[in-house]
C-alpha atoms as a PDB file:
ATOM      1  CA  MET A   1      77.436 176.118  56.692  1.00  0.00           C
ATOM      2  CA  PRO A   2      77.703 177.365  53.080  1.00  0.00           C
ATOM      3  CA  ASP A   3      79.612 180.530  52.272  1.00  0.00           C
ATOM      4  CA  HIS A   4      77.340 182.696  50.121  1.00  0.00           C
ATOM      5  CA  THR A   5      80.077 185.154  49.128  1.00  0.00           C
ATOM      6  CA  SER A   6      80.240 185.717  45.376  1.00  0.00           C
ATOM      7  CA  ASP A   7      83.520 184.841  43.671  1.00  0.00           C
ATOM      8  CA  SER A   8      84.665 187.456  41.158  1.00  0.00           C
ATOM      9  CA  SER A   9      86.858 184.828  39.412  1.00  0.00           C
ATOM     10  CA  GLU A  10      83.803 182.950  38.182  1.00  0.00           C
ATOM     11  CA  PRO A  11      82.469 183.575  34.661  1.00  0.00           C
ATOM     12  CA  GLU A  12      80.110 186.502  34.286  1.00  0.00           C
ATOM     13  CA  GLU A  13      77.246 184.140  33.401  1.00  0.00           C
ATOM     14  CA  ALA A  14      77.615 182.417  36.784  1.00  0.00           C
ATOM     15  CA  GLN A  15      77.773 185.756  38.570  1.00  0.00           C
ATOM     16  CA  MET A  16      74.596 187.033  36.928  1.00  0.00           C
ATOM     17  CA  ALA A  17      72.697 183.844  37.777  1.00  0.00           C
ATOM     18  CA  ARG A  18      73.104 184.507  41.503  1.00  0.00           C
ATOM     19  CA  THR A  19      70.274 185.188  43.905  1.00  0.00           C
ATOM     20  CA  VAL A  20      69.721 188.427  45.823  1.00  0.00           C
ATOM     21  CA  ALA A  21      67.297 189.055  48.671  1.00  0.00           C
ATOM     22  CA  VAL A  22      65.564 192.438  48.610  1.00  0.00           C
ATOM     23  CA  THR A  23      63.708 193.431  51.763  1.00  0.00           C
ATOM     24  CA  GLY A  24      60.984 195.969  51.205  1.00  0.00           C
ATOM     25  CA  GLY A  25      60.914 195.128  47.519  1.00  0.00           C
ATOM     26  CA  SER A  26      57.248 196.116  47.286  1.00  0.00           C
ATOM     27  CA  GLY A  27      57.895 199.752  48.258  1.00  0.00           C
ATOM     28  CA  LYS A  28      58.567 202.719  46.014  1.00  0.00           C
ATOM     29  CA  LEU A  29      62.343 202.392  46.099  1.00  0.00           C
ATOM     30  CA  GLY A  30      62.180 198.608  46.351  1.00  0.00           C
ATOM     31  CA  ARG A  31      60.196 198.210  43.143  1.00  0.00           C
ATOM     32  CA  ALA A  32      62.786 200.189  41.191  1.00  0.00           C
ATOM     33  CA  VAL A  33      65.666 198.211  42.723  1.00  0.00           C
ATOM     34  CA  VAL A  34      63.980 194.886  41.997  1.00  0.00           C
ATOM     35  CA  ALA A  35      63.362 195.919  38.391  1.00  0.00           C
ATOM     36  CA  ALA A  36      66.974 197.010  37.922  1.00  0.00           C
ATOM     37  CA  LEU A  37      68.336 193.783  39.404  1.00  0.00           C
ATOM     38  CA  ILE A  38      66.099 191.619  37.232  1.00  0.00           C
ATOM     39  CA  GLU A  39      67.179 193.547  34.146  1.00  0.00           C
ATOM     40  CA  GLU A  40      70.787 192.776  35.114  1.00  0.00           C
ATOM     41  CA  GLY A  41      70.048 189.068  35.236  1.00  0.00           C
ATOM     42  CA  TRP A  42      69.754 188.499  38.976  1.00  0.00           C
ATOM     43  CA  THR A  43      67.241 186.140  40.530  1.00  0.00           C
ATOM     44  CA  VAL A  44      65.409 188.320  43.047  1.00  0.00           C
ATOM     45  CA  VAL A  45      63.389 187.257  46.072  1.00  0.00           C
ATOM     46  CA  ASN A  46      61.254 190.009  47.602  1.00  0.00           C
ATOM     47  CA  PHE A  47      60.773 189.813  51.375  1.00  0.00           C
ATOM     48  CA  ASP A  48      58.050 192.230  52.443  1.00  0.00           C
ATOM     49  CA  ARG A  49      54.794 192.386  54.369  1.00  0.00           C
ATOM     50  CA  VAL A  50      52.723 193.152  51.276  1.00  0.00           C
ATOM     51  CA  PRO A  51      53.068 191.893  47.696  1.00  0.00           C
ATOM     52  CA  SER A  52      54.352 194.064  44.869  1.00  0.00           C
ATOM     53  CA  PRO A  53      52.376 194.896  41.711  1.00  0.00           C
ATOM     54  CA  ASP A  54      55.481 193.695  39.860  1.00  0.00           C
ATOM     55  CA  SER A  55      55.219 189.919  40.038  1.00  0.00           C
ATOM     56  CA  ARG A  56      58.541 189.126  38.340  1.00  0.00           C
ATOM     57  CA  ALA A  57      60.276 188.615  41.702  1.00  0.00           C
ATOM     58  CA  ARG A  58      59.140 185.819  43.998  1.00  0.00           C
ATOM     59  CA  PHE A  59      57.312 187.354  46.969  1.00  0.00           C
ATOM     60  CA  ILE A  60      57.639 185.939  50.492  1.00  0.00           C
ATOM     61  CA  ARG A  61      55.581 187.593  53.214  1.00  0.00           C
ATOM     62  CA  THR A  62      58.075 188.257  56.000  1.00  0.00           C
ATOM     63  CA  ASP A  63      58.116 190.153  59.299  1.00  0.00           C
ATOM     64  CA  LEU A  64      61.701 191.331  59.734  1.00  0.00           C
ATOM     65  CA  THR A  65      61.152 192.130  63.409  1.00  0.00           C
ATOM     66  CA  ASP A  66      60.993 188.332  63.933  1.00  0.00           C
ATOM     67  CA  TYR A  67      64.591 187.058  63.799  1.00  0.00           C
ATOM     68  CA  GLY A  68      63.478 183.492  63.101  1.00  0.00           C
ATOM     69  CA  GLN A  69      61.734 184.611  59.926  1.00  0.00           C
ATOM     70  CA  VAL A  70      64.810 186.562  58.810  1.00  0.00           C
ATOM     71  CA  VAL A  71      67.078 183.553  59.380  1.00  0.00           C
ATOM     72  CA  GLU A  72      64.844 181.337  57.262  1.00  0.00           C
ATOM     73  CA  ALA A  73      64.472 184.051  54.618  1.00  0.00           C
ATOM     74  CA  LEU A  74      68.231 184.283  54.058  1.00  0.00           C
ATOM     75  CA  SER A  75      69.118 180.622  54.558  1.00  0.00           C
ATOM     76  CA  GLY A  76      66.604 179.159  52.136  1.00  0.00           C
ATOM     77  CA  ILE A  77      62.873 178.517  51.933  1.00  0.00           C
ATOM     78  CA  ASP A  78      61.851 175.193  50.415  1.00  0.00           C
ATOM     79  CA  GLU A  79      61.925 175.478  46.615  1.00  0.00           C
ATOM     80  CA  VAL A  80      62.199 179.283  46.572  1.00  0.00           C
ATOM     81  CA  HIS A  81      65.983 179.444  46.963  1.00  0.00           C
ATOM     82  CA  ARG A  82      68.905 177.632  48.561  1.00  0.00           C
ATOM     83  CA  GLY A  83      70.528 180.735  49.980  1.00  0.00           C
ATOM     84  CA  VAL A  84      71.334 184.196  48.706  1.00  0.00           C
ATOM     85  CA  ASN A  85      74.601 185.770  47.575  1.00  0.00           C
ATOM     86  CA  ALA A  86      73.694 189.357  48.388  1.00  0.00           C
ATOM     87  CA  VAL A  87      71.152 191.376  50.353  1.00  0.00           C
ATOM     88  CA  VAL A  88      69.574 194.744  49.582  1.00  0.00           C
ATOM     89  CA  HIS A  89      67.836 195.867  52.773  1.00  0.00           C
ATOM     90  CA  LEU A  90      65.228 198.565  52.096  1.00  0.00           C
ATOM     91  CA  ALA A  91      62.351 197.587  54.388  1.00  0.00           C
ATOM     92  CA  ALA A  92      61.562 200.246  56.976  1.00  0.00           C
ATOM     93  CA  ILE A  93      59.040 202.769  58.151  1.00  0.00           C
ATOM     94  CA  PRO A  94      60.187 205.361  55.607  1.00  0.00           C
ATOM     95  CA  GLY A  95      60.228 208.574  57.579  1.00  0.00           C
ATOM     96  CA  ALA A  96      59.686 210.486  60.792  1.00  0.00           C
ATOM     97  CA  THR A  97      55.934 211.045  60.529  1.00  0.00           C
ATOM     98  CA  PHE A  98      54.521 207.680  59.430  1.00  0.00           C
ATOM     99  CA  ALA A  99      54.249 206.169  62.920  1.00  0.00           C
ATOM    100  CA  PRO A 100      54.920 207.120  66.542  1.00  0.00           C
ATOM    101  CA  ASN A 101      58.618 207.578  67.256  1.00  0.00           C
ATOM    102  CA  VAL A 102      58.849 204.503  69.465  1.00  0.00           C
ATOM    103  CA  ALA A 103      57.294 202.320  66.774  1.00  0.00           C
ATOM    104  CA  THR A 104      59.592 203.742  64.095  1.00  0.00           C
ATOM    105  CA  PHE A 105      62.730 203.238  66.182  1.00  0.00           C
ATOM    106  CA  ASP A 106      61.773 199.743  67.287  1.00  0.00           C
ATOM    107  CA  ASN A 107      60.752 198.533  63.832  1.00  0.00           C
ATOM    108  CA  ASN A 108      63.625 200.002  61.855  1.00  0.00           C
ATOM    109  CA  LEU A 109      66.541 199.334  64.185  1.00  0.00           C
ATOM    110  CA  VAL A 110      65.468 195.826  65.173  1.00  0.00           C
ATOM    111  CA  SER A 111      64.754 194.846  61.559  1.00  0.00           C
ATOM    112  CA  THR A 112      68.141 196.090  60.417  1.00  0.00           C
ATOM    113  CA  PHE A 113      69.937 194.301  63.251  1.00  0.00           C
ATOM    114  CA  HIS A 114      68.182 191.061  62.324  1.00  0.00           C
ATOM    115  CA  VAL A 115      69.202 191.408  58.666  1.00  0.00           C
ATOM    116  CA  PHE A 116      72.824 192.266  59.563  1.00  0.00           C
ATOM    117  CA  GLN A 117      73.060 189.419  62.077  1.00  0.00           C
ATOM    118  CA  ALA A 118      71.540 186.854  59.726  1.00  0.00           C
ATOM    119  CA  ALA A 119      73.904 187.970  56.953  1.00  0.00           C
ATOM    120  CA  LYS A 120      76.798 187.446  59.364  1.00  0.00           C
ATOM    121  CA  LEU A 121      75.464 184.018  60.327  1.00  0.00           C
ATOM    122  CA  PHE A 122      75.304 182.827  56.722  1.00  0.00           C
ATOM    123  CA  LYS A 123      78.484 184.625  55.575  1.00  0.00           C
ATOM    124  CA  ILE A 124      76.661 186.821  53.094  1.00  0.00           C
ATOM    125  CA  HIS A 125      79.415 189.374  52.574  1.00  0.00           C
ATOM    126  CA  ASN A 126      77.642 191.655  50.097  1.00  0.00           C
ATOM    127  CA  LEU A 127      75.032 193.882  51.706  1.00  0.00           C
ATOM    128  CA  VAL A 128      73.566 197.230  50.707  1.00  0.00           C
ATOM    129  CA  TRP A 129      71.006 199.026  52.834  1.00  0.00           C
ATOM    130  CA  ALA A 130      69.070 202.270  52.813  1.00  0.00           C
ATOM    131  CA  SER A 131      70.416 204.804  55.258  1.00  0.00           C
ATOM    132  CA  SER A 132      69.137 208.376  55.053  1.00  0.00           C
ATOM    133  CA  GLU A 133      70.248 211.945  54.501  1.00  0.00           C
ATOM    134  CA  THR A 134      68.206 212.856  57.582  1.00  0.00           C
ATOM    135  CA  LEU A 135      71.035 211.861  59.915  1.00  0.00           C
ATOM    136  CA  LEU A 136      72.969 214.891  58.596  1.00  0.00           C
ATOM    137  CA  GLY A 137      70.666 217.232  60.515  1.00  0.00           C
ATOM    138  CA  TYR A 138      67.222 217.185  58.898  1.00  0.00           C
ATOM    139  CA  PRO A 139      65.020 219.208  59.264  1.00  0.00           C
ATOM    140  CA  PHE A 140      67.958 221.632  59.607  1.00  0.00           C
ATOM    141  CA  ASN A 141      66.441 223.785  62.335  1.00  0.00           C
ATOM    142  CA  ASN A 142      70.077 224.183  63.354  1.00  0.00           C
ATOM    143  CA  PRO A 143      72.601 225.113  60.625  1.00  0.00           C
ATOM    144  CA  PRO A 144      74.857 222.272  59.484  1.00  0.00           C
ATOM    145  CA  ALA A 145      78.597 222.398  60.085  1.00  0.00           C
ATOM    146  CA  TYR A 146      79.142 223.485  56.467  1.00  0.00           C
ATOM    147  CA  VAL A 147      77.639 223.370  53.004  1.00  0.00           C
ATOM    148  CA  PRO A 148      77.538 221.714  50.588  1.00  0.00           C
ATOM    149  CA  LEU A 149      76.891 218.638  52.661  1.00  0.00           C
ATOM    150  CA  ASP A 150      78.975 215.544  51.991  1.00  0.00           C
ATOM    151  CA  GLU A 151      79.845 212.243  53.665  1.00  0.00           C
ATOM    152  CA  ASN A 152      82.286 214.007  56.011  1.00  0.00           C
ATOM    153  CA  VAL A 153      79.585 216.033  57.773  1.00  0.00           C
ATOM    154  CA  PRO A 154      79.333 214.564  61.276  1.00  0.00           C
ATOM    155  CA  PRO A 155      76.013 212.799  61.908  1.00  0.00           C
ATOM    156  CA  THR A 156      73.634 215.073  63.785  1.00  0.00           C
ATOM    157  CA  PRO A 157      70.274 213.285  63.950  1.00  0.00           C
ATOM    158  CA  GLU A 158      67.511 215.640  65.055  1.00  0.00           C
ATOM    159  CA  VAL A 159      64.573 213.200  64.857  1.00  0.00           C
ATOM    160  CA  VAL A 160      64.138 209.647  66.101  1.00  0.00           C
ATOM    161  CA  TYR A 161      63.944 208.226  62.562  1.00  0.00           C
ATOM    162  CA  ALA A 162      67.377 209.721  61.845  1.00  0.00           C
ATOM    163  CA  LEU A 163      68.732 208.504  65.187  1.00  0.00           C
ATOM    164  CA  ALA A 164      67.895 204.932  64.195  1.00  0.00           C
ATOM    165  CA  LYS A 165      69.670 205.406  60.859  1.00  0.00           C
ATOM    166  CA  ASP A 166      72.750 206.735  62.654  1.00  0.00           C
ATOM    167  CA  LEU A 167      72.805 203.661  64.879  1.00  0.00           C
ATOM    168  CA  GLU A 168      72.390 201.398  61.844  1.00  0.00           C
ATOM    169  CA  GLU A 169      75.536 202.904  60.317  1.00  0.00           C
ATOM    170  CA  GLU A 170      77.433 202.347  63.551  1.00  0.00           C
ATOM    171  CA  MET A 171      76.255 198.730  63.619  1.00  0.00           C
ATOM    172  CA  ALA A 172      77.583 198.290  60.093  1.00  0.00           C
ATOM    173  CA  ARG A 173      80.984 199.680  61.083  1.00  0.00           C
ATOM    174  CA  GLN A 174      81.258 197.180  63.898  1.00  0.00           C
ATOM    175  CA  TYR A 175      80.139 194.215  61.803  1.00  0.00           C
ATOM    176  CA  CYS A 176      82.805 195.102  59.243  1.00  0.00           C
ATOM    177  CA  ARG A 177      85.405 195.519  61.998  1.00  0.00           C
ATOM    178  CA  TRP A 178      84.574 192.015  63.226  1.00  0.00           C
ATOM    179  CA  ASN A 179      85.028 190.569  59.753  1.00  0.00           C
ATOM    180  CA  PRO A 180      87.321 192.341  57.257  1.00  0.00           C
ATOM    181  CA  ASP A 181      85.677 190.412  54.389  1.00  0.00           C
ATOM    182  CA  GLN A 182      82.275 191.911  55.143  1.00  0.00           C
ATOM    183  CA  LYS A 183      81.025 194.670  52.855  1.00  0.00           C
ATOM    184  CA  MET A 184      78.146 196.893  53.925  1.00  0.00           C
ATOM    185  CA  ILE A 185      77.250 199.913  51.832  1.00  0.00           C
ATOM    186  CA  GLY A 186      74.770 202.422  53.242  1.00  0.00           C
ATOM    187  CA  LEU A 187      73.076 204.714  50.732  1.00  0.00           C
ATOM    188  CA  ARG A 188      71.875 207.931  52.331  1.00  0.00           C
ATOM    189  CA  CYS A 189      68.773 208.306  50.224  1.00  0.00           C
ATOM    190  CA  SER A 190      66.965 211.601  49.939  1.00  0.00           C
ATOM    191  CA  ASN A 191      63.224 212.065  49.366  1.00  0.00           C
ATOM    192  CA  VAL A 192      62.469 209.181  47.019  1.00  0.00           C
ATOM    193  CA  MET A 193      60.261 210.150  44.087  1.00  0.00           C
ATOM    194  CA  ASP A 194      58.642 207.955  41.458  1.00  0.00           C
ATOM    195  CA  PRO A 195      58.649 209.169  37.822  1.00  0.00           C
ATOM    196  CA  SER A 196      54.856 209.477  38.057  1.00  0.00           C
ATOM    197  CA  GLU A 197      55.415 212.245  40.636  1.00  0.00           C
ATOM    198  CA  TYR A 198      57.800 214.338  38.530  1.00  0.00           C
ATOM    199  CA  ALA A 199      54.988 216.446  37.074  1.00  0.00           C
ATOM    200  CA  ASP A 200      54.273 217.778  40.576  1.00  0.00           C
ATOM    201  CA  PHE A 201      57.773 219.218  41.033  1.00  0.00           C
ATOM    202  CA  PRO A 202      56.948 222.795  39.891  1.00  0.00           C
ATOM    203  CA  SER A 203      54.165 223.052  42.476  1.00  0.00           C
ATOM    204  CA  PHE A 204      56.679 222.364  45.237  1.00  0.00           C
ATOM    205  CA  GLU A 205      58.409 225.690  44.625  1.00  0.00           C
ATOM    206  CA  LYS A 206      55.686 227.923  43.157  1.00  0.00           C
ATOM    207  CA  GLY A 207      54.601 230.736  45.475  1.00  0.00           C
ATOM    208  CA  ARG A 208      56.182 229.187  48.562  1.00  0.00           C
ATOM    209  CA  PRO A 209      59.208 230.032  50.681  1.00  0.00           C
ATOM    210  CA  PRO A 210      61.952 227.398  50.645  1.00  0.00           C
ATOM    211  CA  ALA A 211      60.923 224.403  52.703  1.00  0.00           C
ATOM    212  CA  ARG A 212      62.721 223.210  55.779  1.00  0.00           C
ATOM    213  CA  GLY A 213      65.076 220.393  55.061  1.00  0.00           C
ATOM    214  CA  THR A 214      66.161 221.578  51.609  1.00  0.00           C
ATOM    215  CA  CYS A 215      69.854 221.544  52.347  1.00  0.00           C
ATOM    216  CA  GLY A 216      71.372 219.612  49.487  1.00  0.00           C
ATOM    217  CA  PRO A 217      69.414 217.284  47.203  1.00  0.00           C
ATOM    218  CA  THR A 218      65.634 217.388  47.464  1.00  0.00           C
ATOM    219  CA  SER A 219      64.807 214.057  45.853  1.00  0.00           C
ATOM    220  CA  THR A 220      66.184 210.728  44.820  1.00  0.00           C
ATOM    221  CA  PRO A 221      64.819 209.523  41.483  1.00  0.00           C
ATOM    222  CA  VAL A 222      63.977 205.839  41.612  1.00  0.00           C
ATOM    223  CA  THR A 223      64.782 205.143  37.973  1.00  0.00           C
ATOM    224  CA  ALA A 224      68.064 203.347  37.238  1.00  0.00           C
ATOM    225  CA  PRO A 225      70.423 203.689  34.246  1.00  0.00           C
ATOM    226  CA  LYS A 226      69.918 201.129  31.493  1.00  0.00           C
ATOM    227  CA  ARG A 227      73.343 199.637  32.265  1.00  0.00           C
ATOM    228  CA  SER A 228      73.621 200.031  35.995  1.00  0.00           C
ATOM    229  CA  SER A 229      76.239 197.284  36.444  1.00  0.00           C
ATOM    230  CA  VAL A 230      74.654 195.668  39.482  1.00  0.00           C
ATOM    231  CA  ARG A 231      77.471 193.355  40.554  1.00  0.00           C
ATOM    232  CA  TRP A 232      79.348 192.434  43.692  1.00  0.00           C
ATOM    233  CA  ASN A 233      82.735 190.809  44.213  1.00  0.00           C
ATOM    234  CA  THR A 234      84.863 189.711  47.139  1.00  0.00           C
ATOM    235  CA  THR A 235      86.973 192.860  47.455  1.00  0.00           C
ATOM    236  CA  SER A 236      86.680 193.997  51.064  1.00  0.00           C
ATOM    237  CA  LEU A 237      85.310 197.527  51.303  1.00  0.00           C
ATOM    238  CA  GLY A 238      84.268 197.522  54.928  1.00  0.00           C
ATOM    239  CA  SER A 239      81.382 199.778  55.898  1.00  0.00           C
ATOM    240  CA  THR A 240      80.857 202.786  53.670  1.00  0.00           C
ATOM    241  CA  THR A 241      78.155 205.395  53.268  1.00  0.00           C
ATOM    242  CA  SER A 242      77.275 207.473  50.262  1.00  0.00           C
ATOM    243  CA  SER A 243      74.842 210.269  49.570  1.00  0.00           C
ATOM    244  CA  SER A 244      72.536 209.319  46.751  1.00  0.00           C
ATOM    245  CA  LEU A 245      72.854 212.615  44.900  1.00  0.00           C
ATOM    246  CA  THR A 246      75.549 215.281  44.681  1.00  0.00           C
ATOM    247  CA  PRO A 247      74.562 217.962  47.229  1.00  0.00           C
ATOM    248  CA  THR A 248      74.001 221.534  46.107  1.00  0.00           C
ATOM    249  CA  PRO A 249      75.667 224.481  47.880  1.00  0.00           C
ATOM    250  CA  SER A 250      72.345 225.948  49.022  1.00  0.00           C
ATOM    251  CA  CYS A 251      70.876 225.454  52.467  1.00  0.00           C
ATOM    252  CA  ALA A 252      67.407 226.898  52.818  1.00  0.00           C
ATOM    253  CA  GLY A 253      65.679 227.230  56.144  1.00  0.00           C
ATOM    254  CA  PRO A 254      62.580 228.940  57.474  1.00  0.00           C
ATOM    255  CA  ARG A 255      62.239 232.426  55.957  1.00  0.00           C
ATOM    256  CA  ARG A 256      62.601 235.223  58.469  1.00  0.00           C
ATOM    257  CA  ASN A 257      60.767 238.547  58.106  1.00  0.00           C
END
């Protein structure tokens, strides 16, 4: 079985010619990630249920709740690729109100387990996935342990969507404990906003009390720096999580009269 781990001793040209699988590459965040990776010279394969308007990445229609499809997606599909060197896992029902709780939990947790397990099977040691700030207590009906929020705030999921994200992070810790060479980086994204939505920002605050859930960052821009240095190497980091934006010291809740 081939080892798909990237070797940092190889020339940069060889590194940049590698192949990365992006799940959910047709979504709002996925499209920005795919664009950034392509600009950095990566060959990107987009595994999603619907195609993306950006056709630069090869699209493969894939149901991640089917483990057999995930195994084939990461191992190689005919002439599409012979295996991938890294995975960016973004596919998910993107919040607590897009589907019934049972459907959200089942889809998101099972899909993530399949991606993690297939990456383990094929020794793909570089994996980034979308966690969520919601596991820190959103919608903050109960005050957090302290503000500003950071990665040391204990997970306190208050909705089923956040519960699944909390369990995904625990899965990552265990996968990295099993294999010290495994790297899994969870990005606790906030409310992802496309640049086309920026003009609406003033209306979010005008004439309204602070919204629930505005403890820390309120949005994650999906644009990437021109030189975002999208690279992986074989240094073992284990499982780590990171908030996508620096939290602010304010924590707004429902206004009381």
